[in-house]
């Protein structure tokens, strides 16, 4: 149950943070929520990773479809030297997911260290 709560909260707060702060604010959101909702490290990583994979995947597809993939075609040509907007969307999604996943993992390890230092 904590997994789904963490996933939904990371999606919600990352979306809100993305409206007002730089893109890397997703890492801060995932880190703080992982500290507040303690989970095992791999579950914490998975919740942060999956939350941002779904959020950025949806937002990237929505933005790209809204403008007829014009920008995605051009940027994919610049970066990958091939015309593949869906590859660009996948790479963008993976970058965001890894940032949030590792931020959540870091917070989970800090939480474990803090709990084990008292023993």
Protein backbone atom coordinates (compact mmCIF):
# COMPACT_ATOMS: atom_id res chain seq x y z
CA UNK A 1 0.00 0.00 0.00
CA UNK A 2 2.87 2.37 0.80
CA UNK A 3 4.21 1.73 -2.71
CA UNK A 4 1.07 3.08 -4.39
CA UNK A 5 0.79 6.01 -2.00
CA UNK A 6 4.41 6.95 -2.67
CA UNK A 7 3.93 6.51 -6.41
CA UNK A 8 0.85 8.73 -6.55
CA UNK A 9 2.38 11.40 -4.31
CA UNK A 10 5.61 11.51 -6.33
CA UNK A 11 3.59 11.91 -9.54
CA UNK A 12 1.41 14.64 -8.06
CA UNK A 13 4.13 16.67 -6.35
CA UNK A 14 6.59 16.25 -9.24
CA UNK A 15 4.00 17.60 -11.62
CA UNK A 16 3.34 20.57 -9.34
CA UNK A 17 7.05 21.18 -8.78
CA UNK A 18 7.65 21.06 -12.53
CA UNK A 19 5.21 23.92 -13.00
CA UNK A 20 7.20 26.31 -10.81
CA UNK A 21 10.74 24.97 -10.44
CA UNK A 22 13.49 23.56 -12.71
CA UNK A 23 13.22 20.03 -14.06
CA UNK A 24 15.57 18.60 -11.43
CA UNK A 25 13.09 19.47 -8.68
CA UNK A 26 11.69 15.98 -9.32
CA UNK A 27 14.73 14.60 -7.50
CA UNK A 28 14.01 16.72 -4.44
CA UNK A 29 10.37 15.62 -4.45
CA UNK A 30 11.26 11.93 -4.76
CA UNK A 31 13.95 12.28 -2.07
CA UNK A 32 11.68 14.00 0.47
CA UNK A 33 8.75 11.66 -0.12
CA UNK A 34 11.02 8.64 0.19
CA UNK A 35 12.21 9.96 3.55
CA UNK A 36 8.63 10.52 4.70
CA UNK A 37 7.34 7.16 3.42
CA UNK A 38 10.06 4.67 4.36
CA UNK A 39 10.30 1.57 2.18
CA UNK A 40 12.93 -1.01 1.32
CA UNK A 41 15.58 0.45 -1.00
CA UNK A 42 14.56 -1.42 -4.14
CA UNK A 43 10.86 -0.64 -3.57
CA UNK A 44 11.71 3.00 -2.99
CA UNK A 45 13.74 3.11 -6.21
CA UNK A 46 10.94 1.40 -8.11
CA UNK A 47 8.27 3.79 -6.83
CA UNK A 48 10.31 6.86 -7.77
CA UNK A 49 11.35 5.38 -11.12
CA UNK A 50 7.87 4.23 -12.10
CA UNK A 51 6.21 7.46 -10.95
CA UNK A 52 8.43 9.64 -13.14
CA UNK A 53 8.41 7.15 -16.00
CA UNK A 54 4.63 7.40 -16.11
CA UNK A 55 4.50 11.16 -15.55
CA UNK A 56 7.18 12.22 -18.02
CA UNK A 57 6.08 9.58 -20.51
CA UNK A 58 2.53 10.88 -20.48
CA UNK A 59 3.59 14.53 -20.58
CA UNK A 60 6.13 13.95 -23.37
CA UNK A 61 3.63 12.11 -25.54
CA UNK A 62 0.93 14.68 -24.85
CA UNK A 63 3.16 17.65 -25.70
CA UNK A 64 4.56 15.94 -28.79
CA UNK A 65 1.14 14.93 -30.11
CA UNK A 66 -0.21 18.43 -29.42
CA UNK A 67 2.25 20.00 -31.85
CA UNK A 68 2.22 17.20 -34.41
CA UNK A 69 5.66 15.90 -33.34
CA UNK A 70 7.30 18.87 -35.12
CA UNK A 71 9.79 19.66 -32.35
CA UNK A 72 10.42 16.01 -31.49
CA UNK A 73 11.31 15.25 -35.13
CA UNK A 74 13.84 18.08 -35.23
CA UNK A 75 15.40 17.45 -31.83
CA UNK A 76 15.72 13.72 -32.50
CA UNK A 77 17.55 14.55 -35.72
CA UNK A 78 19.95 16.77 -33.77
CA UNK A 79 20.60 14.33 -30.95
CA UNK A 80 20.32 10.87 -32.49
CA UNK A 81 20.95 11.68 -36.18
CA UNK A 82 17.73 9.81 -36.96
CA UNK A 83 14.12 10.94 -37.26
CA UNK A 84 12.54 9.15 -34.32
CA UNK A 85 10.36 11.23 -32.00
CA UNK A 86 9.40 8.16 -30.00
CA UNK A 87 13.06 7.38 -29.27
CA UNK A 88 13.42 10.94 -27.99
CA UNK A 89 10.35 10.49 -25.81
CA UNK A 90 11.73 7.20 -24.45
CA UNK A 91 15.14 8.69 -23.63
CA UNK A 92 13.54 11.73 -22.01
CA UNK A 93 11.31 9.49 -19.94
CA UNK A 94 14.19 7.25 -18.86
CA UNK A 95 16.31 10.23 -17.78
CA UNK A 96 13.55 11.59 -15.55
CA UNK A 97 12.77 8.14 -14.18
CA UNK A 98 16.40 7.42 -13.30
CA UNK A 99 16.84 10.79 -11.59
CA UNK A 100 13.77 10.25 -9.42
CA UNK A 101 14.57 6.60 -8.79
CA UNK A 102 18.09 7.28 -7.59
CA UNK A 103 16.91 10.21 -5.46
CA UNK A 104 14.35 7.95 -3.79
CA UNK A 105 16.98 5.23 -3.37
CA UNK A 106 19.37 7.69 -1.73
CA UNK A 107 16.73 8.76 0.75
CA UNK A 108 15.90 5.14 1.50
CA UNK A 109 19.55 4.40 2.27
CA UNK A 110 19.76 7.47 4.50
CA UNK A 111 16.66 6.26 6.32
CA UNK A 112 18.24 2.82 6.79
CA UNK A 113 21.51 4.28 8.07
CA UNK A 114 19.66 6.49 10.52
CA UNK A 115 17.65 3.52 11.83
CA UNK A 116 20.67 1.18 12.04
CA UNK A 117 22.90 3.71 13.82
CA UNK A 118 20.72 3.50 16.91
CA UNK A 119 21.10 -0.29 17.19
